[in-house]
Amino acid sequence: MSDLIVIVYPTEARAEEIRQKLFDLQKEYLIEISDAVIAVKQENGKVKLNQLLNTTAAGAVSGTFWGALIGLIFLNPLLGAALGAGAGALSGALTDYGIDDTFIKQLSESLQPGNAALFVLIKKLTADKALEAVKGTGGVVLKTSLDHSKEQALRDALAASAPSVAPPT
C-alpha cells in the first residue's frame, strides 16, 4: 500500500531540492517512490505541474518507433513514423501516471501564489532514516495518508530548527 505526502514550500526551487534529496534516499534504498510531482501556484492563479515523467514525449518516442516499423512493412517508413509519433503523443497526453493530476490541481488551489507543493507517492519507507534526512528542511504538511503518529513525526522533523512557511489559506 502506498502513502501520499503533500508538503508546501515557499518556492519551486526549494521543493525541487527536497525532491532531489528524496531521489538520493531512493538510491540508498531507504525509500521507494512511485511518483513525485511539484505543483506551483503562479501569480495569475493557475497551477503549473512539474511531473516526474513526461508521458507525451514518451508516447511520441514509442509511437515513432512502432509507426516506422509498420511503415517499413507497407514501404513508407517516414509516413508511418510521423503518424505513429502523432498517435503516440496523443495517447501519452491522455495517460495519467501516478498521482491524479485533477487531485493535485484541486489541492494546489489553496496555495499562496509563488508557493510550491511537493506531492510524493511512497511505496516503501525506512521511516527513521528518511525523517533524519529531511529534518530541518522546512515546509508545511498539507495532506498525508499516514497515521497520526507518523504524520506528527514528519511535521516535527520538518519543523526542527527550520524557518516556517505561511500555511495555505
C-alpha atoms as a PDB file:
ATOM      1  CA  MET A   1       0.000   0.000   0.000  1.00  0.00           C
ATOM      2  CA  SER A   2       1.303   3.427  -0.924  1.00  0.00           C
ATOM      3  CA  ASP A   3       1.284   6.581   1.194  1.00  0.00           C
ATOM      4  CA  LEU A   4       0.698  10.080  -0.109  1.00  0.00           C
ATOM      5  CA  ILE A   5       2.532  13.044   1.420  1.00  0.00           C
ATOM      6  CA  VAL A   6       1.987  16.665   0.346  1.00  0.00           C
ATOM      7  CA  ILE A   7       4.361  19.342   1.686  1.00  0.00           C
ATOM      8  CA  VAL A   8       4.213  23.059   0.854  1.00  0.00           C
ATOM      9  CA  TYR A   9       7.427  25.035   0.302  1.00  0.00           C
ATOM     10  CA  PRO A  10       7.910  28.776  -0.287  1.00  0.00           C
ATOM     11  CA  THR A  11       9.447  28.311  -3.758  1.00  0.00           C
ATOM     12  CA  GLU A  12       9.567  25.801  -6.589  1.00  0.00           C
ATOM     13  CA  ALA A  13      13.364  25.648  -6.262  1.00  0.00           C
ATOM     14  CA  ARG A  14      13.089  24.549  -2.615  1.00  0.00           C
ATOM     15  CA  ALA A  15      10.514  21.869  -3.490  1.00  0.00           C
ATOM     16  CA  GLU A  16      12.785  20.605  -6.284  1.00  0.00           C
ATOM     17  CA  GLU A  17      15.737  20.500  -3.877  1.00  0.00           C
ATOM     18  CA  ILE A  18      13.744  18.299  -1.484  1.00  0.00           C
ATOM     19  CA  ARG A  19      12.528  16.081  -4.342  1.00  0.00           C
ATOM     20  CA  GLN A  20      16.167  15.529  -5.365  1.00  0.00           C
ATOM     21  CA  LYS A  21      17.025  14.703  -1.749  1.00  0.00           C
ATOM     22  CA  LEU A  22      14.261  12.074  -1.781  1.00  0.00           C
ATOM     23  CA  PHE A  23      15.678  10.614  -5.006  1.00  0.00           C
ATOM     24  CA  ASP A  24      19.062  10.368  -3.269  1.00  0.00           C
ATOM     25  CA  LEU A  25      17.367   8.459  -0.446  1.00  0.00           C
ATOM     26  CA  GLN A  26      15.846   6.173  -3.056  1.00  0.00           C
ATOM     27  CA  LYS A  27      19.335   5.434  -4.423  1.00  0.00           C
ATOM     28  CA  GLU A  28      20.270   4.354  -0.901  1.00  0.00           C
ATOM     29  CA  TYR A  29      17.183   2.071  -0.759  1.00  0.00           C
ATOM     30  CA  LEU A  30      15.695   3.999   2.171  1.00  0.00           C
ATOM     31  CA  ILE A  31      12.569   4.980   0.265  1.00  0.00           C
ATOM     32  CA  GLU A  32      10.725   3.724  -2.815  1.00  0.00           C
ATOM     33  CA  ILE A  33       8.904   6.481  -4.705  1.00  0.00           C
ATOM     34  CA  SER A  34       6.076   5.771  -7.158  1.00  0.00           C
ATOM     35  CA  ASP A  35       5.584   9.403  -8.188  1.00  0.00           C
ATOM     36  CA  ALA A  36       6.823  12.844  -7.174  1.00  0.00           C
ATOM     37  CA  VAL A  37       5.113  15.937  -8.598  1.00  0.00           C
ATOM     38  CA  ILE A  38       5.707  19.604  -7.843  1.00  0.00           C
ATOM     39  CA  ALA A  39       2.695  21.903  -8.201  1.00  0.00           C
ATOM     40  CA  VAL A  40       3.365  25.647  -8.327  1.00  0.00           C
ATOM     41  CA  LYS A  41       0.687  28.286  -7.858  1.00  0.00           C
ATOM     42  CA  GLN A  42       1.566  31.031 -10.330  1.00  0.00           C
ATOM     43  CA  GLU A  43       0.874  34.741  -9.851  1.00  0.00           C
ATOM     44  CA  ASN A  44      -2.049  34.560 -12.300  1.00  0.00           C
ATOM     45  CA  GLY A  45      -3.712  31.910 -10.097  1.00  0.00           C
ATOM     46  CA  LYS A  46      -3.075  28.942 -12.387  1.00  0.00           C
ATOM     47  CA  VAL A  47      -1.381  25.791 -11.140  1.00  0.00           C
ATOM     48  CA  LYS A  48       1.663  24.511 -13.082  1.00  0.00           C
ATOM     49  CA  LEU A  49       2.679  20.868 -12.660  1.00  0.00           C
ATOM     50  CA  ASN A  50       6.283  19.689 -12.815  1.00  0.00           C
ATOM     51  CA  GLN A  51       5.822  15.981 -13.468  1.00  0.00           C
ATOM     52  CA  LEU A  52       8.374  13.289 -12.873  1.00  0.00           C
ATOM     53  CA  LEU A  53       7.637  11.681 -16.250  1.00  0.00           C
ATOM     54  CA  ASN A  54       6.582  13.462 -19.446  1.00  0.00           C
ATOM     55  CA  THR A  55       4.040  10.959 -20.826  1.00  0.00           C
ATOM     56  CA  THR A  56       3.502  12.971 -24.027  1.00  0.00           C
ATOM     57  CA  ALA A  57       7.178  12.769 -25.011  1.00  0.00           C
ATOM     58  CA  ALA A  58       7.414   9.096 -24.042  1.00  0.00           C
ATOM     59  CA  GLY A  59       4.323   8.343 -26.129  1.00  0.00           C
ATOM     60  CA  ALA A  60       5.741  10.212 -29.120  1.00  0.00           C
ATOM     61  CA  VAL A  61       9.012   8.273 -28.965  1.00  0.00           C
ATOM     62  CA  SER A  62       7.361   4.866 -28.729  1.00  0.00           C
ATOM     63  CA  GLY A  63       4.793   5.861 -31.380  1.00  0.00           C
ATOM     64  CA  THR A  64       7.571   6.897 -33.766  1.00  0.00           C
ATOM     65  CA  PHE A  65       9.261   3.520 -33.347  1.00  0.00           C
ATOM     66  CA  TRP A  66       6.117   1.473 -33.890  1.00  0.00           C
ATOM     67  CA  GLY A  67       4.934   3.724 -36.730  1.00  0.00           C
ATOM     68  CA  ALA A  68       8.268   3.395 -38.530  1.00  0.00           C
ATOM     69  CA  LEU A  69       8.194  -0.374 -38.067  1.00  0.00           C
ATOM     70  CA  ILE A  70       4.689  -0.652 -39.503  1.00  0.00           C
ATOM     71  CA  GLY A  71       5.661   1.848 -42.210  1.00  0.00           C
ATOM     72  CA  LEU A  72       8.530  -0.442 -43.259  1.00  0.00           C
ATOM     73  CA  ILE A  73       6.048  -3.238 -43.816  1.00  0.00           C
ATOM     74  CA  PHE A  74       3.980  -1.025 -46.122  1.00  0.00           C
ATOM     75  CA  LEU A  75       7.096   0.532 -47.756  1.00  0.00           C
ATOM     76  CA  ASN A  76       6.555   4.043 -46.342  1.00  0.00           C
ATOM     77  CA  PRO A  77       8.510   4.328 -43.064  1.00  0.00           C
ATOM     78  CA  LEU A  78       8.520   8.158 -42.920  1.00  0.00           C
ATOM     79  CA  LEU A  79       4.731   8.409 -43.116  1.00  0.00           C
ATOM     80  CA  GLY A  80       4.417   5.583 -40.597  1.00  0.00           C
ATOM     81  CA  ALA A  81       6.845   7.290 -38.215  1.00  0.00           C
ATOM     82  CA  ALA A  82       5.006  10.615 -38.484  1.00  0.00           C
ATOM     83  CA  LEU A  83       1.590   9.041 -37.904  1.00  0.00           C
ATOM     84  CA  GLY A  84       2.989   6.909 -35.089  1.00  0.00           C
ATOM     85  CA  ALA A  85       4.576   9.927 -33.373  1.00  0.00           C
ATOM     86  CA  GLY A  86       1.317  11.857 -33.519  1.00  0.00           C
ATOM     87  CA  ALA A  87      -0.749   8.952 -32.223  1.00  0.00           C
ATOM     88  CA  GLY A  88       1.812   8.202 -29.505  1.00  0.00           C
ATOM     89  CA  ALA A  89       1.935  11.828 -28.365  1.00  0.00           C
ATOM     90  CA  LEU A  90      -1.867  11.953 -28.187  1.00  0.00           C
ATOM     91  CA  SER A  91      -2.109   8.737 -26.193  1.00  0.00           C
ATOM     92  CA  GLY A  92       0.717   9.911 -23.906  1.00  0.00           C
ATOM     93  CA  ALA A  93      -1.046  13.217 -23.263  1.00  0.00           C
ATOM     94  CA  LEU A  94      -4.207  11.359 -22.292  1.00  0.00           C
ATOM     95  CA  THR A  95      -2.351   8.973 -19.962  1.00  0.00           C
ATOM     96  CA  ASP A  96      -2.046   9.818 -16.280  1.00  0.00           C
ATOM     97  CA  TYR A  97       0.692   8.100 -14.307  1.00  0.00           C
ATOM     98  CA  GLY A  98       0.902   8.046 -10.519  1.00  0.00           C
ATOM     99  CA  ILE A  99      -0.930  10.753  -8.591  1.00  0.00           C
ATOM    100  CA  ASP A 100      -4.107  12.011 -10.283  1.00  0.00           C
ATOM    101  CA  ASP A 101      -3.497  15.415 -11.916  1.00  0.00           C
ATOM    102  CA  THR A 102      -7.011  16.636 -11.133  1.00  0.00           C
ATOM    103  CA  PHE A 103      -6.483  15.882  -7.433  1.00  0.00           C
ATOM    104  CA  ILE A 104      -3.137  17.726  -7.490  1.00  0.00           C
ATOM    105  CA  LYS A 105      -4.635  20.808  -9.124  1.00  0.00           C
ATOM    106  CA  GLN A 106      -7.635  20.903  -6.753  1.00  0.00           C
ATOM    107  CA  LEU A 107      -5.467  20.626  -3.658  1.00  0.00           C
ATOM    108  CA  SER A 108      -2.982  23.189  -5.016  1.00  0.00           C
ATOM    109  CA  GLU A 109      -5.690  25.839  -5.413  1.00  0.00           C
ATOM    110  CA  SER A 110      -5.283  26.606  -1.684  1.00  0.00           C
ATOM    111  CA  LEU A 111      -1.607  27.588  -2.124  1.00  0.00           C
ATOM    112  CA  GLN A 112      -0.397  31.170  -1.993  1.00  0.00           C
ATOM    113  CA  PRO A 113       0.957  32.491  -5.332  1.00  0.00           C
ATOM    114  CA  GLY A 114       4.624  31.546  -5.703  1.00  0.00           C
ATOM    115  CA  ASN A 115       4.411  28.640  -3.249  1.00  0.00           C
ATOM    116  CA  ALA A 116       5.039  25.077  -4.403  1.00  0.00           C
ATOM    117  CA  ALA A 117       3.634  21.801  -3.123  1.00  0.00           C
ATOM    118  CA  LEU A 118       5.625  18.585  -3.340  1.00  0.00           C
ATOM    119  CA  PHE A 119       3.341  15.570  -3.853  1.00  0.00           C
ATOM    120  CA  VAL A 120       5.101  12.271  -3.139  1.00  0.00           C
ATOM    121  CA  LEU A 121       3.572   8.809  -3.511  1.00  0.00           C
ATOM    122  CA  ILE A 122       5.694   6.400  -1.467  1.00  0.00           C
ATOM    123  CA  LYS A 123       5.612   2.597  -1.821  1.00  0.00           C
ATOM    124  CA  LYS A 124       8.117   1.723   0.922  1.00  0.00           C
ATOM    125  CA  LEU A 125       9.877   3.773   3.550  1.00  0.00           C
ATOM    126  CA  THR A 126      12.522   3.328   6.228  1.00  0.00           C
ATOM    127  CA  ALA A 127      10.896   5.986   8.400  1.00  0.00           C
ATOM    128  CA  ASP A 128      13.596   6.799  10.973  1.00  0.00           C
ATOM    129  CA  LYS A 129      16.401   7.270   8.421  1.00  0.00           C
ATOM    130  CA  ALA A 130      14.195   9.177   5.959  1.00  0.00           C
ATOM    131  CA  LEU A 131      12.964  11.519   8.703  1.00  0.00           C
ATOM    132  CA  GLU A 132      16.537  12.173   9.763  1.00  0.00           C
ATOM    133  CA  ALA A 133      17.424  13.096   6.166  1.00  0.00           C
ATOM    134  CA  VAL A 134      14.596  15.648   5.854  1.00  0.00           C
ATOM    135  CA  LYS A 135      14.986  17.017   9.356  1.00  0.00           C
ATOM    136  CA  GLY A 136      15.007  20.805   9.403  1.00  0.00           C
ATOM    137  CA  THR A 137      14.228  21.237   5.717  1.00  0.00           C
ATOM    138  CA  GLY A 138      11.145  23.306   6.471  1.00  0.00           C
ATOM    139  CA  GLY A 139       7.844  23.084   4.718  1.00  0.00           C
ATOM    140  CA  VAL A 140       4.301  22.646   5.929  1.00  0.00           C
ATOM    141  CA  VAL A 141       2.488  19.323   5.710  1.00  0.00           C
ATOM    142  CA  LEU A 142      -0.696  19.963   3.736  1.00  0.00           C
ATOM    143  CA  LYS A 143      -2.037  16.413   3.498  1.00  0.00           C
ATOM    144  CA  THR A 144      -0.920  12.848   4.159  1.00  0.00           C
ATOM    145  CA  SER A 145      -2.348   9.361   4.228  1.00  0.00           C
ATOM    146  CA  LEU A 146      -0.073   8.479   7.167  1.00  0.00           C
ATOM    147  CA  ASP A 147      -1.452   7.599  10.575  1.00  0.00           C
ATOM    148  CA  HIS A 148      -1.478  10.380  13.188  1.00  0.00           C
ATOM    149  CA  SER A 149       1.762   9.413  14.948  1.00  0.00           C
ATOM    150  CA  LYS A 150       3.777   9.142  11.700  1.00  0.00           C
ATOM    151  CA  GLU A 151       2.297  12.405  10.417  1.00  0.00           C
ATOM    152  CA  GLN A 152       3.249  14.184  13.632  1.00  0.00           C
ATOM    153  CA  ALA A 153       6.776  12.750  13.432  1.00  0.00           C
ATOM    154  CA  LEU A 154       7.037  14.140   9.885  1.00  0.00           C
ATOM    155  CA  ARG A 155       5.771  17.566  10.997  1.00  0.00           C
ATOM    156  CA  ASP A 156       8.265  17.630  13.861  1.00  0.00           C
ATOM    157  CA  ALA A 157      11.167  16.613  11.611  1.00  0.00           C
ATOM    158  CA  LEU A 158      10.360  19.274   9.005  1.00  0.00           C
ATOM    159  CA  ALA A 159       9.959  22.000  11.618  1.00  0.00           C
ATOM    160  CA  ALA A 160      13.117  21.158  13.552  1.00  0.00           C
ATOM    161  CA  SER A 161      15.124  24.429  13.547  1.00  0.00           C
ATOM    162  CA  ALA A 162      13.858  25.492  10.108  1.00  0.00           C
ATOM    163  CA  PRO A 163      12.138  28.720   9.085  1.00  0.00           C
ATOM    164  CA  SER A 164       8.410  28.223   8.799  1.00  0.00           C
ATOM    165  CA  VAL A 165       6.254  28.695   5.742  1.00  0.00           C
ATOM    166  CA  ALA A 166       2.944  30.537   5.909  1.00  0.00           C
ATOM    167  CA  PRO A 167       0.232  27.857   5.852  1.00  0.00           C
ATOM    168  CA  PRO A 168      -2.128  27.878   2.869  1.00  0.00           C
ATOM    169  CA  THR A 169      -5.475  29.591   3.250  1.00  0.00           C
END
